[in-house]
Amino acid sequence: MASTDIGEHERINREIKEVEHIGDGITDRTYEQLNKSFITPFDREDIHELTAHIDDVVDSINGVSRRVCLYKPKKLIPIYKEMAELIFEGAKELETAIHCLKDPAANKEK
């Protein structure tokens, strides 16, 4: 969102599409493991909901990226860049939280 270069938008769109595809694979594997597991580290419904919401956000980011490439705006309003930065910060926080799920007892303070 910081650039108005069409080539840059298309390059970033390809990267986002690759990440979205990887995310779909992770979502599928998570659901498969969830269906195979009798005992889960926390509620099955919570795992399913968290996975679905993360997948929805990644799909939305991919959709926005496709639209930017499709419409080729000559100028983006500054709030779009701010929103993208907030999404990025949120993603970093979510990454930290997901890693803390591996050993919740060891990560009480985070």
N, C-alpha and C. Protein backbone atom coordinates (compact mmCIF):
# COMPACT_ATOMS: atom_id res chain seq x y z
N MET A 1 0.81 -1.20 0.00
CA MET A 1 0.00 0.00 0.00
C MET A 1 0.85 1.27 0.00
N ALA A 2 2.16 1.11 0.21
CA ALA A 2 3.03 2.28 0.23
C ALA A 2 3.48 2.67 -1.17
N SER A 3 3.29 1.78 -2.14
CA SER A 3 3.77 2.03 -3.49
C SER A 3 2.61 2.23 -4.46
N THR A 4 2.85 2.99 -5.50
CA THR A 4 1.85 3.13 -6.57
C THR A 4 2.34 2.46 -7.85
N ASP A 5 3.49 1.78 -7.76
CA ASP A 5 4.06 1.10 -8.92
C ASP A 5 3.28 -0.18 -9.20
N ILE A 6 2.73 -0.27 -10.40
CA ILE A 6 1.91 -1.43 -10.78
C ILE A 6 2.73 -2.72 -10.75
N GLY A 7 3.97 -2.65 -11.21
CA GLY A 7 4.83 -3.84 -11.18
C GLY A 7 5.08 -4.33 -9.76
N GLU A 8 5.26 -3.40 -8.85
CA GLU A 8 5.46 -3.75 -7.43
C GLU A 8 4.20 -4.40 -6.87
N HIS A 9 3.04 -3.84 -7.23
CA HIS A 9 1.77 -4.43 -6.76
C HIS A 9 1.63 -5.87 -7.25
N GLU A 10 1.98 -6.09 -8.51
CA GLU A 10 1.83 -7.44 -9.06
C GLU A 10 2.82 -8.42 -8.43
N ARG A 11 4.04 -7.95 -8.14
CA ARG A 11 5.03 -8.81 -7.48
C ARG A 11 4.53 -9.19 -6.08
N ILE A 12 4.05 -8.20 -5.35
CA ILE A 12 3.54 -8.45 -4.00
C ILE A 12 2.31 -9.35 -4.05
N ASN A 13 1.46 -9.14 -5.05
CA ASN A 13 0.27 -9.99 -5.21
C ASN A 13 0.67 -11.45 -5.39
N ARG A 14 1.71 -11.71 -6.17
CA ARG A 14 2.18 -13.09 -6.37
C ARG A 14 2.66 -13.69 -5.04
N GLU A 15 3.40 -12.89 -4.27
CA GLU A 15 3.88 -13.36 -2.97
C GLU A 15 2.71 -13.66 -2.04
N ILE A 16 1.74 -12.76 -2.01
CA ILE A 16 0.57 -12.97 -1.15
C ILE A 16 -0.19 -14.22 -1.58
N LYS A 17 -0.32 -14.42 -2.88
CA LYS A 17 -1.02 -15.60 -3.38
C LYS A 17 -0.31 -16.88 -2.95
N GLU A 18 1.03 -16.87 -2.99
CA GLU A 18 1.80 -18.04 -2.55
C GLU A 18 1.57 -18.31 -1.06
N VAL A 19 1.61 -17.25 -0.27
CA VAL A 19 1.40 -17.39 1.18
C VAL A 19 -0.03 -17.88 1.46
N GLU A 20 -0.98 -17.36 0.72
CA GLU A 20 -2.38 -17.78 0.90
C GLU A 20 -2.52 -19.26 0.57
N HIS A 21 -1.84 -19.71 -0.47
CA HIS A 21 -1.88 -21.13 -0.84
C HIS A 21 -1.27 -22.00 0.26
N ILE A 22 -0.15 -21.55 0.81
CA ILE A 22 0.49 -22.28 1.92
C ILE A 22 -0.47 -22.30 3.12
N GLY A 23 -1.11 -21.17 3.38
CA GLY A 23 -2.06 -21.09 4.49
C GLY A 23 -3.23 -22.05 4.31
N ASP A 24 -3.72 -22.19 3.07
CA ASP A 24 -4.80 -23.14 2.81
C ASP A 24 -4.35 -24.57 3.14
N GLY A 25 -3.10 -24.88 2.82
CA GLY A 25 -2.57 -26.21 3.15
C GLY A 25 -2.50 -26.42 4.65
N ILE A 26 -2.07 -25.40 5.38
CA ILE A 26 -2.00 -25.49 6.84
C ILE A 26 -3.40 -25.66 7.42
N THR A 27 -4.35 -24.91 6.88
CA THR A 27 -5.74 -25.03 7.35
C THR A 27 -6.25 -26.44 7.13
N ASP A 28 -6.02 -26.98 5.94
CA ASP A 28 -6.47 -28.35 5.64
C ASP A 28 -5.83 -29.37 6.57
N ARG A 29 -4.51 -29.24 6.78
CA ARG A 29 -3.81 -30.19 7.68
C ARG A 29 -4.31 -30.05 9.11
N THR A 30 -4.61 -28.82 9.53
CA THR A 30 -5.12 -28.61 10.89
C THR A 30 -6.46 -29.31 11.06
N TYR A 31 -7.34 -29.14 10.09
CA TYR A 31 -8.64 -29.80 10.17
C TYR A 31 -8.51 -31.32 10.14
N GLU A 32 -7.59 -31.82 9.32
CA GLU A 32 -7.38 -33.26 9.27
C GLU A 32 -6.90 -33.78 10.63
N GLN A 33 -5.91 -33.11 11.21
CA GLN A 33 -5.39 -33.52 12.52
C GLN A 33 -6.47 -33.41 13.59
N LEU A 34 -7.26 -32.38 13.51
CA LEU A 34 -8.34 -32.18 14.48
C LEU A 34 -9.34 -33.33 14.41
N ASN A 35 -9.63 -33.79 13.20
CA ASN A 35 -10.56 -34.90 13.03
C ASN A 35 -9.97 -36.23 13.48
N LYS A 36 -8.64 -36.35 13.47
CA LYS A 36 -7.99 -37.59 13.88
C LYS A 36 -7.72 -37.64 15.38
N SER A 37 -7.68 -36.49 16.02
CA SER A 37 -7.28 -36.43 17.43
C SER A 37 -8.47 -36.60 18.35
N PHE A 38 -8.29 -37.47 19.32
CA PHE A 38 -9.34 -37.66 20.33
C PHE A 38 -9.22 -36.61 21.42
N ILE A 39 -7.99 -36.36 21.85
CA ILE A 39 -7.74 -35.37 22.89
C ILE A 39 -6.94 -34.24 22.26
N THR A 40 -7.41 -33.02 22.48
CA THR A 40 -6.72 -31.84 21.93
C THR A 40 -6.22 -30.97 23.08
N PRO A 41 -5.21 -30.12 22.81
CA PRO A 41 -4.64 -29.29 23.89
C PRO A 41 -5.63 -28.27 24.45
N PHE A 42 -6.59 -27.85 23.65
CA PHE A 42 -7.71 -27.03 24.13
C PHE A 42 -8.92 -27.35 23.28
N ASP A 43 -10.04 -26.75 23.58
CA ASP A 43 -11.31 -27.14 22.95
C ASP A 43 -11.22 -27.23 21.44
N ARG A 44 -11.76 -28.31 20.94
CA ARG A 44 -11.80 -28.57 19.50
C ARG A 44 -12.46 -27.41 18.74
N GLU A 45 -13.55 -26.89 19.30
CA GLU A 45 -14.27 -25.79 18.66
C GLU A 45 -13.40 -24.53 18.59
N ASP A 46 -12.61 -24.29 19.63
CA ASP A 46 -11.73 -23.12 19.65
C ASP A 46 -10.63 -23.25 18.59
N ILE A 47 -10.09 -24.44 18.45
CA ILE A 47 -9.06 -24.67 17.43
C ILE A 47 -9.66 -24.44 16.05
N HIS A 48 -10.83 -24.99 15.83
CA HIS A 48 -11.50 -24.85 14.53
C HIS A 48 -11.80 -23.38 14.24
N GLU A 49 -12.32 -22.67 15.23
CA GLU A 49 -12.68 -21.26 15.04
C GLU A 49 -11.44 -20.40 14.78
N LEU A 50 -10.37 -20.61 15.54
CA LEU A 50 -9.13 -19.87 15.34
C LEU A 50 -8.58 -20.10 13.94
N THR A 51 -8.55 -21.35 13.52
CA THR A 51 -8.05 -21.70 12.19
C THR A 51 -8.90 -21.05 11.11
N ALA A 52 -10.21 -21.12 11.26
CA ALA A 52 -11.11 -20.54 10.26
C ALA A 52 -10.95 -19.03 10.16
N HIS A 53 -10.81 -18.36 11.30
CA HIS A 53 -10.66 -16.91 11.28
C HIS A 53 -9.33 -16.48 10.66
N ILE A 54 -8.27 -17.19 10.98
CA ILE A 54 -6.97 -16.87 10.37
C ILE A 54 -7.06 -17.06 8.85
N ASP A 55 -7.68 -18.15 8.42
CA ASP A 55 -7.85 -18.41 6.99
C ASP A 55 -8.67 -17.30 6.33
N ASP A 56 -9.72 -16.84 7.00
CA ASP A 56 -10.55 -15.76 6.45
C ASP A 56 -9.75 -14.47 6.27
N VAL A 57 -8.91 -14.14 7.24
CA VAL A 57 -8.10 -12.92 7.15
C VAL A 57 -7.11 -13.03 5.99
N VAL A 58 -6.45 -14.16 5.87
CA VAL A 58 -5.49 -14.34 4.78
C VAL A 58 -6.20 -14.29 3.43
N ASP A 59 -7.38 -14.88 3.33
CA ASP A 59 -8.17 -14.80 2.09
C ASP A 59 -8.54 -13.36 1.78
N SER A 60 -8.89 -12.59 2.79
CA SER A 60 -9.25 -11.18 2.58
C SER A 60 -8.05 -10.37 2.09
N ILE A 61 -6.89 -10.61 2.69
CA ILE A 61 -5.68 -9.91 2.25
C ILE A 61 -5.40 -10.25 0.79
N ASN A 62 -5.55 -11.50 0.43
CA ASN A 62 -5.35 -11.91 -0.96
C ASN A 62 -6.36 -11.22 -1.87
N GLY A 63 -7.59 -11.11 -1.44
CA GLY A 63 -8.62 -10.45 -2.25
C GLY A 63 -8.32 -8.97 -2.47
N VAL A 64 -7.87 -8.29 -1.43
CA VAL A 64 -7.52 -6.87 -1.56
C VAL A 64 -6.35 -6.72 -2.54
N SER A 65 -5.37 -7.58 -2.41
CA SER A 65 -4.21 -7.53 -3.29
C SER A 65 -4.61 -7.73 -4.75
N ARG A 66 -5.50 -8.69 -5.00
CA ARG A 66 -5.98 -8.92 -6.37
C ARG A 66 -6.71 -7.70 -6.92
N ARG A 67 -7.52 -7.06 -6.06
CA ARG A 67 -8.27 -5.89 -6.51
C ARG A 67 -7.35 -4.71 -6.83
N VAL A 68 -6.31 -4.53 -6.03
CA VAL A 68 -5.35 -3.46 -6.31
C VAL A 68 -4.71 -3.70 -7.67
N CYS A 69 -4.36 -4.95 -7.97
CA CYS A 69 -3.76 -5.26 -9.27
C CYS A 69 -4.78 -5.10 -10.41
N LEU A 70 -6.00 -5.46 -10.15
CA LEU A 70 -7.04 -5.39 -11.17
C LEU A 70 -7.39 -3.94 -11.53
N TYR A 71 -7.57 -3.10 -10.53
CA TYR A 71 -8.01 -1.73 -10.78
C TYR A 71 -6.86 -0.75 -11.02
N LYS A 72 -5.64 -1.14 -10.66
CA LYS A 72 -4.45 -0.33 -10.89
C LYS A 72 -4.63 1.14 -10.48
N PRO A 73 -4.90 1.39 -9.21
CA PRO A 73 -5.10 2.78 -8.78
C PRO A 73 -3.82 3.60 -8.94
N LYS A 74 -4.00 4.83 -9.35
CA LYS A 74 -2.84 5.71 -9.51
C LYS A 74 -2.42 6.31 -8.19
N LYS A 75 -3.34 6.35 -7.25
CA LYS A 75 -3.04 6.91 -5.93
C LYS A 75 -3.88 6.16 -4.89
N LEU A 76 -3.25 5.82 -3.77
CA LEU A 76 -3.96 5.17 -2.68
C LEU A 76 -4.05 6.15 -1.52
N ILE A 77 -5.20 6.20 -0.89
CA ILE A 77 -5.34 7.13 0.23
C ILE A 77 -4.51 6.63 1.41
N PRO A 78 -3.96 7.55 2.20
CA PRO A 78 -3.03 7.19 3.28
C PRO A 78 -3.60 6.19 4.30
N ILE A 79 -4.90 6.20 4.52
CA ILE A 79 -5.48 5.29 5.51
C ILE A 79 -5.26 3.83 5.12
N TYR A 80 -5.15 3.54 3.81
CA TYR A 80 -4.90 2.17 3.37
C TYR A 80 -3.55 1.67 3.88
N LYS A 81 -2.54 2.54 3.81
CA LYS A 81 -1.22 2.17 4.31
C LYS A 81 -1.27 1.95 5.82
N GLU A 82 -1.98 2.81 6.53
CA GLU A 82 -2.11 2.64 7.98
C GLU A 82 -2.81 1.33 8.31
N MET A 83 -3.86 1.01 7.56
CA MET A 83 -4.57 -0.25 7.79
C MET A 83 -3.66 -1.45 7.52
N ALA A 84 -2.87 -1.38 6.46
CA ALA A 84 -1.94 -2.47 6.13
C ALA A 84 -0.91 -2.64 7.25
N GLU A 85 -0.44 -1.53 7.80
CA GLU A 85 0.53 -1.60 8.90
C GLU A 85 -0.10 -2.23 10.13
N LEU A 86 -1.36 -1.90 10.41
CA LEU A 86 -2.06 -2.50 11.56
C LEU A 86 -2.25 -4.01 11.36
N ILE A 87 -2.59 -4.39 10.15
CA ILE A 87 -2.75 -5.82 9.85
C ILE A 87 -1.42 -6.55 10.03
N PHE A 88 -0.34 -5.93 9.58
CA PHE A 88 0.99 -6.52 9.73
C PHE A 88 1.36 -6.67 11.20
N GLU A 89 1.12 -5.63 12.00
CA GLU A 89 1.41 -5.70 13.44
C GLU A 89 0.56 -6.78 14.10
N GLY A 90 -0.70 -6.86 13.73
CA GLY A 90 -1.57 -7.89 14.27
C GLY A 90 -1.09 -9.29 13.91
N ALA A 91 -0.60 -9.45 12.70
CA ALA A 91 -0.08 -10.74 12.26
C ALA A 91 1.14 -11.15 13.07
N LYS A 92 2.00 -10.18 13.37
CA LYS A 92 3.18 -10.49 14.19
C LYS A 92 2.75 -10.90 15.60
N GLU A 93 1.77 -10.22 16.16
CA GLU A 93 1.26 -10.58 17.50
C GLU A 93 0.63 -11.97 17.47
N LEU A 94 -0.10 -12.26 16.43
CA LEU A 94 -0.74 -13.58 16.30
C LEU A 94 0.31 -14.67 16.17
N GLU A 95 1.37 -14.39 15.42
CA GLU A 95 2.46 -15.36 15.30
C GLU A 95 3.07 -15.68 16.66
N THR A 96 3.31 -14.65 17.46
CA THR A 96 3.85 -14.85 18.81
C THR A 96 2.89 -15.69 19.64
N ALA A 97 1.61 -15.36 19.58
CA ALA A 97 0.62 -16.09 20.36
C ALA A 97 0.53 -17.55 19.94
N ILE A 98 0.57 -17.82 18.64
CA ILE A 98 0.49 -19.19 18.14
C ILE A 98 1.70 -20.00 18.63
N HIS A 99 2.88 -19.40 18.59
CA HIS A 99 4.07 -20.10 19.07
C HIS A 99 3.99 -20.38 20.57
N CYS A 100 3.33 -19.52 21.31
CA CYS A 100 3.17 -19.72 22.75
C CYS A 100 2.21 -20.88 23.06
N LEU A 101 1.38 -21.26 22.10
CA LEU A 101 0.44 -22.36 22.31
C LEU A 101 1.16 -23.71 22.42
N LYS A 102 2.38 -23.78 21.91
CA LYS A 102 3.12 -25.05 21.97
C LYS A 102 3.38 -25.49 23.40
N ASP A 103 3.62 -24.52 24.29
CA ASP A 103 3.87 -24.82 25.69
C ASP A 103 3.25 -23.71 26.55
N PRO A 104 1.92 -23.76 26.75
CA PRO A 104 1.24 -22.67 27.45
C PRO A 104 1.79 -22.40 28.86
N ALA A 105 2.19 -23.43 29.58
CA ALA A 105 2.68 -23.26 30.95
C ALA A 105 3.97 -22.44 30.97
N ALA A 106 4.81 -22.63 29.98
CA ALA A 106 6.10 -21.92 29.92
C ALA A 106 5.94 -20.47 29.44
N ASN A 107 4.76 -20.14 28.92
CA ASN A 107 4.56 -18.82 28.32
C ASN A 107 3.51 -17.99 29.03
N LYS A 108 3.34 -18.18 30.33
CA LYS A 108 2.32 -17.45 31.09
C LYS A 108 2.53 -15.94 31.05
N GLU A 109 3.78 -15.50 31.02
CA GLU A 109 4.09 -14.08 31.12
C GLU A 109 3.96 -13.36 29.78
N LYS A 110 3.92 -14.07 28.66
CA LYS A 110 3.88 -13.43 27.33
C LYS A 110 2.49 -13.09 27.03
